Amino acid sequence: MKIRISNGRVIDPANQTDRIEDVFIAEGKIVARGTSPAGFAAERILDADGLIVIPGLIDIAARLREPGFEYRATLESEMEAAMAGGVTSLAIPPDTDPVLDEPGLVEMLCYRAKKLNCAHVYPIGALTLGLAGERLSEMAELVEAGCVAFSQANVPIVDNMVLMRAMQYAATFDFRVWLQPLAPFLSRGGYAHDGELASRLGIPGIPVAAETVALFTYLQLARITGARLHITRLSSAQGLELIKAARADGMNVTCDVSINHLHLCDLDIGYFNTHCHLVPPLRSQLDRDALSNGLAEGHIDALCSDHTPVDDDSKQKPFSESEPGATGLELLLPLTLKWANDNGIALTTALARITANAARLVGITKAGHLSPGARADICIFDPAARTHVSREKLKSQGKNTPFLGLDLPGAVRYTLVEGRLMFER
């Protein structure tokens, strides 16, 4: 279908453009911006007057809960949530059941997602078989099946020799290694940030050292092996300082932060609010502010939802027994806008963290920008509207989020995937 998006404010961080212009779409691609191509006759015109047109969002950490955890969410429900949130590409962690450590499982997930004809799915393969940290997965075969990187999700490798061999293998073929820094023995038995609040509530704590010790190890092994290292879900100011020091020393390491850790701190746990039981744990206010500054200044490359749908039964337990995680697909854009508004961040800068920068981390070249010839994955939102976060309005099967009851800036009006109008409000 030929579509013309007219009168919208087009913000394309990858090309550093922010201006009022039309966008022309045909055969699933952007064919022109500004001036209509010769002979172009739109079959549908989307009036974007007063709206902002951006590349479809790219979420680099979204658990769709299939296979294995369909009682928490299904591909259908989470794809619907992605469309409602303007998210057109998703990177999927490997901690499904069974784990994404076999080519057949990856191919099945990609096939199921493609049949739904919604967001593009980019699986992250397991670095070790079963995420057990003992034997390396067949990375080359997993890449052929569709994996874009390799990770241990939230399950750290105890044996550093295994981790070094995995990095060496990945470096040989230039595969991306995504690791969450959480030292297994320092974090064992902990459920919240090791601070005053956890002590007062009697919740076993996880010290910042659990992040920094693991991060130091990962950086050292990456130096030795030459692996392409990406640090996922950074949570502390000290961790950020290690990243900055490594970069200043010439190391090519990237990192991201979740929307939860960008806006919340350990005090938000209040009186055992299990919506705030997350991995990694919410840190101090100083950590939160340091992460916000790091994201604004470019020391942190991207922002993600860390979308982890959890069923109500698993959340309605004592804090230490509850299941960690929160839904976030539909909140990625509003919370990014809130961060920009609260901190005086330019929209182009803020939106780059969930479009162009995220695309670069995943290795997507056809999306994340609005250049002619790019895939027509587009989000159109109303910056003047508000998104009210409620269980009833969330499309995700997981209704648990720390942001329930809030009114957030911005609301998605249209989502297009390869030129198909997939969501309209």
Protein backbone atom coordinates (compact mmCIF):
# COMPACT_ATOMS: atom_id res chain seq x y z
CA MET A 1 0.00 0.00 0.00
CA LYS A 2 1.13 3.52 -0.81
CA ILE A 3 0.88 5.77 2.24
CA ARG A 4 1.57 9.45 2.68
CA ILE A 5 2.23 10.77 6.16
CA SER A 6 1.50 14.46 5.90
CA ASN A 7 2.29 17.55 7.98
CA GLY A 8 4.12 15.66 10.73
CA ARG A 9 7.17 16.80 12.65
CA VAL A 10 9.74 14.25 11.49
CA ILE A 11 12.48 13.51 14.01
CA ASP A 12 15.15 11.18 12.65
CA PRO A 13 18.06 11.00 15.14
CA ALA A 14 20.22 8.87 12.83
CA ASN A 15 20.21 11.67 10.25
CA GLN A 16 20.04 14.52 12.78
CA THR A 17 16.83 15.92 11.24
CA ASP A 18 13.92 17.58 13.01
CA ARG A 19 11.49 19.36 10.70
CA ILE A 20 7.95 19.43 9.36
CA GLU A 21 7.76 17.33 6.19
CA ASP A 22 5.82 14.54 4.50
CA VAL A 23 6.94 10.92 4.37
CA PHE A 24 6.07 8.72 1.40
CA ILE A 25 5.81 4.93 1.69
CA ALA A 26 5.48 2.25 -1.01
CA GLU A 27 6.16 -1.51 -1.09
CA GLY A 28 7.08 -1.54 2.58
CA LYS A 29 9.82 1.07 2.29
CA ILE A 30 10.27 4.80 2.66
CA VAL A 31 10.56 6.06 -0.90
CA ALA A 32 10.88 9.78 -0.23
CA ARG A 33 10.68 12.55 2.33
CA GLY A 34 9.58 16.11 1.74
CA THR A 35 8.80 16.06 -1.97
CA SER A 36 6.46 13.50 -3.49
CA PRO A 37 8.09 11.06 -5.96
CA ALA A 38 6.99 11.35 -9.57
CA GLY A 39 3.69 9.56 -10.16
CA PHE A 40 3.14 8.77 -6.47
CA ALA A 41 -0.58 8.38 -5.69
CA ALA A 42 -1.29 7.67 -2.03
CA GLU A 43 -3.89 5.02 -1.26
CA ARG A 44 -4.10 6.37 2.28
CA ILE A 45 -3.08 9.67 3.83
CA LEU A 46 -2.25 9.84 7.53
CA ASP A 47 -2.66 13.41 8.77
CA ALA A 48 0.15 13.90 11.30
CA ASP A 49 -0.52 17.58 11.97
CA GLY A 50 0.56 18.23 15.55
CA LEU A 51 2.09 14.75 15.77
CA ILE A 52 5.71 13.55 15.77
CA VAL A 53 6.93 10.98 13.24
CA ILE A 54 9.90 8.86 14.32
CA PRO A 55 11.51 5.53 13.39
CA GLY A 56 9.79 2.55 14.99
CA LEU A 57 11.23 1.96 18.45
CA ILE A 58 13.80 -0.79 18.94
CA ASP A 59 13.64 -2.50 22.32
CA ILE A 60 16.86 -4.37 23.03
CA ALA A 61 15.49 -6.33 26.03
CA ALA A 62 11.96 -7.72 25.78
CA ARG A 63 10.93 -11.12 27.05
CA LEU A 64 7.94 -12.42 25.07
CA ARG A 65 7.69 -15.47 27.37
CA GLU A 66 7.51 -18.02 24.55
CA PRO A 67 8.39 -20.80 24.54
CA GLY A 68 7.71 -22.17 27.99
CA PHE A 69 6.04 -19.39 29.96
CA GLU A 70 2.78 -18.92 28.08
CA TYR A 71 0.88 -18.64 31.37
CA ARG A 72 2.70 -15.34 31.89
CA ALA A 73 2.39 -14.02 28.34
CA THR A 74 2.08 -15.14 24.73
CA LEU A 75 3.60 -13.93 21.50
CA GLU A 76 0.17 -12.65 20.49
CA SER A 77 -0.37 -10.57 23.62
CA GLU A 78 3.14 -9.11 23.68
CA MET A 79 3.14 -8.32 19.96
CA GLU A 80 -0.09 -6.41 20.51
CA ALA A 81 1.61 -4.55 23.35
CA ALA A 82 4.59 -3.77 21.12
CA MET A 83 2.34 -2.29 18.44
CA ALA A 84 0.50 -0.17 21.03
CA GLY A 85 3.88 1.11 22.23
CA GLY A 86 5.27 1.93 18.80
CA VAL A 87 7.92 -0.79 19.15
CA THR A 88 8.65 -2.39 15.78
CA SER A 89 11.80 -4.40 16.58
CA LEU A 90 12.55 -6.57 19.62
CA ALA A 91 15.70 -8.28 20.88
CA ILE A 92 14.72 -11.38 22.86
CA PRO A 93 16.87 -12.71 25.76
CA PRO A 94 17.58 -16.46 25.71
CA ASP A 95 16.05 -17.43 29.09
CA THR A 96 12.98 -19.14 27.68
CA ASP A 97 11.99 -22.73 28.45
CA PRO A 98 13.69 -24.48 26.78
CA VAL A 99 16.60 -22.05 26.57
CA LEU A 100 17.46 -20.60 23.15
CA ASP A 101 20.56 -22.76 22.74
CA GLU A 102 19.53 -24.85 19.72
CA PRO A 103 19.02 -23.66 16.12
CA GLY A 104 15.63 -25.39 15.88
CA LEU A 105 14.27 -23.44 18.84
CA VAL A 106 15.49 -20.14 17.40
CA GLU A 107 14.00 -20.94 14.00
CA MET A 108 10.68 -21.87 15.60
CA LEU A 109 10.54 -18.59 17.53
CA CYS A 110 11.36 -16.57 14.42
CA TYR A 111 8.75 -18.50 12.41
CA ARG A 112 6.06 -17.98 15.04
CA ALA A 113 6.84 -14.27 15.24
CA LYS A 114 6.90 -13.86 11.46
CA LYS A 115 3.50 -15.55 11.11
CA LEU A 116 2.01 -12.90 13.40
CA ASN A 117 3.22 -10.28 10.92
CA CYS A 118 3.92 -7.69 13.63
CA ALA A 119 7.19 -6.56 15.19
CA HIS A 120 10.52 -7.92 13.95
CA VAL A 121 12.10 -10.35 16.40
CA TYR A 122 15.87 -10.64 16.92
CA PRO A 123 16.74 -13.57 19.21
CA ILE A 124 19.77 -13.43 21.48
CA GLY A 125 21.24 -16.89 21.75
CA ALA A 126 22.46 -18.60 24.91
CA LEU A 127 26.21 -18.24 25.42
CA THR A 128 26.35 -21.66 27.11
CA LEU A 129 24.12 -24.72 26.81
CA GLY A 130 21.08 -24.38 29.04
CA LEU A 131 22.65 -21.19 30.47
CA ALA A 132 24.42 -23.63 32.82
CA GLY A 133 27.83 -21.99 32.34
CA GLU A 134 29.57 -25.26 31.59
CA ARG A 135 29.63 -25.97 27.84
CA LEU A 136 29.61 -23.45 25.02
CA SER A 137 26.65 -23.28 22.68
CA GLU A 138 27.07 -23.77 18.93
CA MET A 139 27.21 -20.04 18.24
CA ALA A 140 27.86 -20.27 14.50
CA GLU A 141 24.79 -22.46 13.97
CA LEU A 142 22.67 -20.17 16.17
CA VAL A 143 23.68 -17.15 14.10
CA GLU A 144 22.61 -18.98 10.94
CA ALA A 145 19.26 -19.65 12.63
CA GLY A 146 18.77 -15.94 13.35
CA CYS A 147 20.57 -14.97 16.56
CA VAL A 148 22.14 -11.49 16.64
CA ALA A 149 24.17 -11.81 19.87
CA PHE A 150 24.88 -14.15 22.78
CA SER A 151 24.03 -13.75 26.42
CA GLN A 152 23.55 -15.48 29.75
CA ALA A 153 20.44 -13.38 30.50
CA ASN A 154 20.28 -13.11 34.32
CA VAL A 155 22.33 -16.27 34.91
CA PRO A 156 26.03 -15.46 35.45
CA ILE A 157 28.82 -17.88 34.55
CA VAL A 158 30.62 -19.00 37.71
CA ASP A 159 33.68 -20.45 35.96
CA ASN A 160 35.66 -17.57 34.44
CA MET A 161 37.65 -19.97 32.27
CA VAL A 162 34.41 -20.97 30.54
CA LEU A 163 33.54 -17.30 30.08
CA MET A 164 36.97 -16.57 28.59
CA ARG A 165 36.64 -19.48 26.15
CA ALA A 166 33.17 -18.26 25.18
CA MET A 167 34.53 -14.77 24.52
CA GLN A 168 37.41 -16.18 22.49
CA TYR A 169 35.00 -18.21 20.38
CA ALA A 170 32.75 -15.19 19.87
CA ALA A 171 35.70 -12.94 19.00
CA THR A 172 36.89 -15.37 16.34
CA PHE A 173 33.68 -14.84 14.38
CA ASP A 174 33.01 -11.26 15.55
CA PHE A 175 29.85 -12.28 17.39
CA ARG A 176 28.41 -9.86 19.94
CA VAL A 177 28.54 -10.87 23.63
CA TRP A 178 25.90 -9.28 25.89
CA LEU A 179 26.48 -9.74 29.62
CA GLN A 180 24.66 -8.52 32.72
CA PRO A 181 27.22 -7.83 35.46
CA LEU A 182 26.09 -9.68 38.57
CA ALA A 183 28.69 -11.64 40.54
CA PRO A 184 26.99 -14.91 41.54
CA PHE A 185 28.30 -15.22 45.09
CA LEU A 186 27.95 -11.55 45.98
CA SER A 187 24.37 -11.46 44.72
CA ARG A 188 23.32 -14.88 46.02
CA GLY A 189 20.37 -14.71 48.41
CA GLY A 190 19.81 -10.98 47.85
CA TYR A 191 16.64 -9.31 46.58
CA ALA A 192 17.14 -5.54 46.88
CA HIS A 193 19.90 -2.93 46.93
CA ASP A 194 22.10 -3.36 49.99
CA GLY A 195 21.21 -0.05 51.60
CA GLU A 196 19.35 1.54 54.48
CA LEU A 197 15.89 0.64 53.18
CA ALA A 198 16.67 -3.07 52.73
CA SER A 199 18.16 -3.17 56.22
CA ARG A 200 15.11 -1.51 57.72
CA LEU A 201 12.70 -3.84 55.92
CA GLY A 202 14.77 -6.93 56.62
CA ILE A 203 15.26 -7.74 52.93
CA PRO A 204 18.58 -9.47 52.16
CA GLY A 205 20.67 -7.03 50.11
CA ILE A 206 22.76 -7.14 46.95
CA PRO A 207 25.78 -4.81 47.20
CA VAL A 208 26.96 -2.60 44.36
CA ALA A 209 30.12 -4.72 44.42
CA ALA A 210 28.07 -7.54 42.87
CA GLU A 211 27.92 -5.39 39.74
CA THR A 212 31.39 -3.85 39.80
CA VAL A 213 33.30 -7.06 40.52
CA ALA A 214 31.56 -8.86 37.66
CA LEU A 215 31.94 -5.84 35.38
CA PHE A 216 35.68 -5.56 36.07
CA THR A 217 36.07 -9.26 35.23
CA TYR A 218 34.08 -8.92 31.98
CA LEU A 219 36.11 -5.89 30.89
CA GLN A 220 39.40 -7.64 31.59
CA LEU A 221 38.37 -10.76 29.68
CA ALA A 222 37.13 -8.65 26.78
CA ARG A 223 40.53 -6.92 26.62
CA ILE A 224 42.30 -10.28 26.54
CA THR A 225 40.03 -11.92 23.98
CA GLY A 226 39.01 -8.96 21.80
CA ALA A 227 35.32 -9.84 22.17
CA ARG A 228 32.65 -7.30 21.23
CA LEU A 229 31.24 -6.69 24.70
CA HIS A 230 27.90 -5.09 25.52
CA ILE A 231 26.93 -4.59 29.16
CA THR A 232 23.21 -4.92 29.76
CA ARG A 233 21.07 -3.22 32.39
CA LEU A 234 23.73 -1.16 34.17
CA SER A 235 22.46 -0.18 37.64
CA SER A 236 25.13 1.76 39.53
CA ALA A 237 27.25 4.91 39.37
CA GLN A 238 30.37 2.88 40.14
CA GLY A 239 29.59 0.52 37.29
CA LEU A 240 29.21 3.49 34.96
CA GLU A 241 32.60 4.84 36.06
CA LEU A 242 34.21 1.53 35.10
CA ILE A 243 32.62 1.75 31.65
CA LYS A 244 33.80 5.34 31.21
CA ALA A 245 37.34 4.41 32.27
CA ALA A 246 37.44 1.49 29.85
CA ARG A 247 36.29 3.71 27.01
CA ALA A 248 38.82 6.40 27.90
CA ASP A 249 41.45 3.65 27.66
CA GLY A 250 40.35 2.93 24.08
CA MET A 251 38.15 -0.06 24.72
CA ASN A 252 35.12 -0.53 22.46
CA VAL A 253 32.46 -1.48 25.02
CA THR A 254 28.78 -0.49 24.94
CA CYS A 255 26.06 -0.54 27.59
CA ASP A 256 22.39 0.10 28.23
CA VAL A 257 20.05 0.95 31.09
CA SER A 258 16.41 0.04 31.69
CA ILE A 259 13.55 2.50 31.99
CA ASN A 260 13.02 1.24 35.54
CA HIS A 261 16.50 2.17 36.74
CA LEU A 262 16.33 5.48 34.90
CA HIS A 263 13.29 6.64 36.89
CA LEU A 264 13.23 4.63 40.12
CA CYS A 265 15.46 3.95 43.12
CA ASP A 266 15.40 1.60 46.10
CA LEU A 267 13.17 3.98 48.07
CA ASP A 268 10.36 3.23 45.62
CA ILE A 269 10.10 -0.24 47.14
CA GLY A 270 8.26 1.54 49.97
CA TYR A 271 6.53 -1.10 52.06
CA PHE A 272 7.48 -4.22 50.11
CA ASN A 273 6.14 -3.15 46.69
CA THR A 274 6.83 -6.27 44.64
CA HIS A 275 6.40 -4.30 41.39
CA CYS A 276 9.84 -2.95 42.28
CA HIS A 277 11.40 -6.39 42.69
CA LEU A 278 13.73 -6.33 39.69
CA VAL A 279 17.01 -7.78 38.45
CA PRO A 280 19.33 -5.99 38.85
CA PRO A 281 17.86 -4.34 41.96
CA LEU A 282 16.89 -0.68 42.06
CA ARG A 283 19.86 1.21 43.48
CA SER A 284 20.19 4.50 45.38
CA GLN A 285 19.03 7.94 44.27
CA LEU A 286 22.64 8.84 43.51
CA ASP A 287 22.95 5.81 41.26
CA ARG A 288 19.72 6.67 39.47
CA ASP A 289 20.85 10.25 38.85
CA ALA A 290 24.27 9.11 37.63
CA LEU A 291 22.63 6.72 35.14
CA SER A 292 20.36 9.51 33.90
CA ASN A 293 23.35 11.82 33.35
CA GLY A 294 25.32 9.03 31.72
CA LEU A 295 22.51 8.34 29.27
CA ALA A 296 22.17 12.04 28.43
CA GLU A 297 25.91 12.47 27.90
CA GLY A 298 26.24 9.36 25.72
CA HIS A 299 28.26 7.24 28.15
CA ILE A 300 25.29 4.86 28.14
CA ASP A 301 24.34 3.97 24.60
CA ALA A 302 20.72 2.87 24.76
CA LEU A 303 17.57 2.65 26.83
CA CYS A 304 15.45 -0.50 27.02
CA SER A 305 12.18 -1.58 28.62
CA ASP A 306 13.57 -4.80 30.17
CA HIS A 307 10.05 -6.07 29.50
CA THR A 308 9.44 -9.10 31.73
CA PRO A 309 5.75 -10.03 32.08
CA VAL A 310 5.00 -11.71 35.41
CA ASP A 311 1.72 -13.33 36.40
CA ASP A 312 -0.23 -11.92 39.36
CA ASP A 313 0.23 -15.02 41.53
CA SER A 314 4.01 -14.67 41.29
CA LYS A 315 3.88 -11.01 42.34
CA GLN A 316 1.39 -11.39 45.18
CA LYS A 317 3.89 -12.99 47.51
CA PRO A 318 6.30 -11.66 50.16
CA PHE A 319 8.93 -9.47 48.50
CA SER A 320 11.78 -11.99 48.74
CA GLU A 321 9.59 -14.79 47.37
CA SER A 322 8.02 -12.82 44.52
CA GLU A 323 9.10 -13.15 40.90
CA PRO A 324 11.32 -10.28 39.71
CA GLY A 325 10.33 -8.35 36.59
CA ALA A 326 7.95 -5.74 35.22
CA THR A 327 6.09 -5.07 32.01
CA GLY A 328 7.46 -2.19 29.95
CA LEU A 329 6.93 -2.47 26.19
CA GLU A 330 4.08 0.04 26.12
CA LEU A 331 5.89 2.41 28.47
CA LEU A 332 9.23 2.71 26.67
CA LEU A 333 8.23 5.80 24.69
CA PRO A 334 6.28 7.65 27.43
CA LEU A 335 9.04 7.08 29.98
CA THR A 336 11.68 8.21 27.50
CA LEU A 337 9.67 11.39 26.93
CA LYS A 338 9.29 11.90 30.68
CA TRP A 339 13.04 11.58 31.12
CA ALA A 340 13.61 14.12 28.35
CA ASN A 341 11.03 16.55 29.79
CA ASP A 342 12.27 16.28 33.37
CA ASN A 343 15.92 16.79 32.45
CA GLY A 344 15.73 19.25 29.56
CA ILE A 345 17.04 16.69 27.07
CA ALA A 346 16.50 17.45 23.38
CA LEU A 347 13.99 15.11 21.75
CA THR A 348 16.47 14.11 19.06
CA THR A 349 18.97 13.05 21.73
CA ALA A 350 16.40 11.17 23.82
CA LEU A 351 14.80 9.35 20.89
CA ALA A 352 18.20 8.28 19.57
CA ARG A 353 18.56 6.06 22.63
CA ILE A 354 15.54 3.95 21.58
CA THR A 355 15.97 4.11 17.79
CA ALA A 356 19.30 4.71 16.05
CA ASN A 357 21.58 3.71 18.95
CA ALA A 358 19.54 0.60 19.73
CA ALA A 359 19.60 -0.40 16.05
CA ARG A 360 23.38 -0.15 16.01
CA LEU A 361 23.73 -2.39 19.06
CA VAL A 362 21.53 -5.10 17.54
CA GLY A 363 23.13 -4.72 14.11
CA ILE A 364 19.97 -3.59 12.30
CA THR A 365 20.72 -1.54 9.19
CA LYS A 366 17.27 -1.49 7.56
CA ALA A 367 15.51 0.22 10.47
CA GLY A 368 16.15 2.75 13.22
CA HIS A 369 16.16 5.62 10.72
CA LEU A 370 13.89 7.25 8.15
CA SER A 371 16.23 7.46 5.17
CA PRO A 372 14.75 6.79 1.71
CA GLY A 373 15.11 3.07 1.06
CA ALA A 374 14.78 2.15 4.76
CA ARG A 375 12.18 -0.28 5.98
CA ALA A 376 8.97 1.63 6.70
CA ASP A 377 8.90 0.86 10.42
CA ILE A 378 7.43 4.04 11.86
CA CYS A 379 5.91 5.32 15.09
CA ILE A 380 3.68 8.41 15.09
CA PHE A 381 2.82 9.86 18.48
CA ASP A 382 1.02 12.82 19.99
CA PRO A 383 3.39 14.72 22.32
CA ALA A 384 0.51 16.69 23.85
CA ALA A 385 -1.52 13.61 24.86
CA ARG A 386 -1.08 11.62 28.06
CA THR A 387 -0.72 7.89 28.61
CA HIS A 388 -2.51 6.70 31.73
CA VAL A 389 -0.93 3.51 33.01
CA SER A 390 -3.58 1.09 34.22
CA ARG A 391 -4.08 -2.65 34.23
CA GLU A 392 -7.12 -2.24 31.99
CA LYS A 393 -5.27 -0.27 29.31
CA LEU A 394 -2.10 -2.37 29.16
CA LYS A 395 -2.19 -4.76 26.20
CA SER A 396 0.53 -6.95 27.65
CA GLN A 397 -0.61 -10.04 29.49
CA GLY A 398 1.70 -8.95 32.30
CA LYS A 399 -0.03 -6.16 34.21
CA ASN A 400 2.66 -5.57 36.81
CA THR A 401 4.68 -2.35 36.61
CA PRO A 402 5.94 0.17 39.18
CA PHE A 403 4.32 2.93 37.10
CA LEU A 404 0.68 1.89 37.56
CA GLY A 405 -1.59 4.87 38.12
CA LEU A 406 0.74 7.45 36.56
CA ASP A 407 -0.06 9.81 33.70
CA LEU A 408 2.93 9.90 31.37
CA PRO A 409 3.65 12.27 28.47
CA GLY A 410 2.91 11.25 24.89
CA ALA A 411 0.64 8.66 23.31
CA VAL A 412 1.19 6.51 20.23
CA ARG A 413 -1.34 7.23 17.47
CA TYR A 414 -0.05 5.01 14.65
CA THR A 415 2.44 2.17 14.32
CA LEU A 416 3.58 0.99 10.89
CA VAL A 417 5.64 -2.12 10.22
CA GLU A 418 7.07 -2.46 6.70
CA GLY A 419 4.46 0.04 5.51
CA ARG A 420 1.52 -1.83 7.07
CA LEU A 421 -0.63 0.09 9.51
CA MET A 422 -0.57 -2.24 12.54
CA PHE A 423 -1.92 0.07 15.25
CA GLU A 424 -4.21 3.08 15.15
CA ARG A 425 -5.66 4.97 18.08
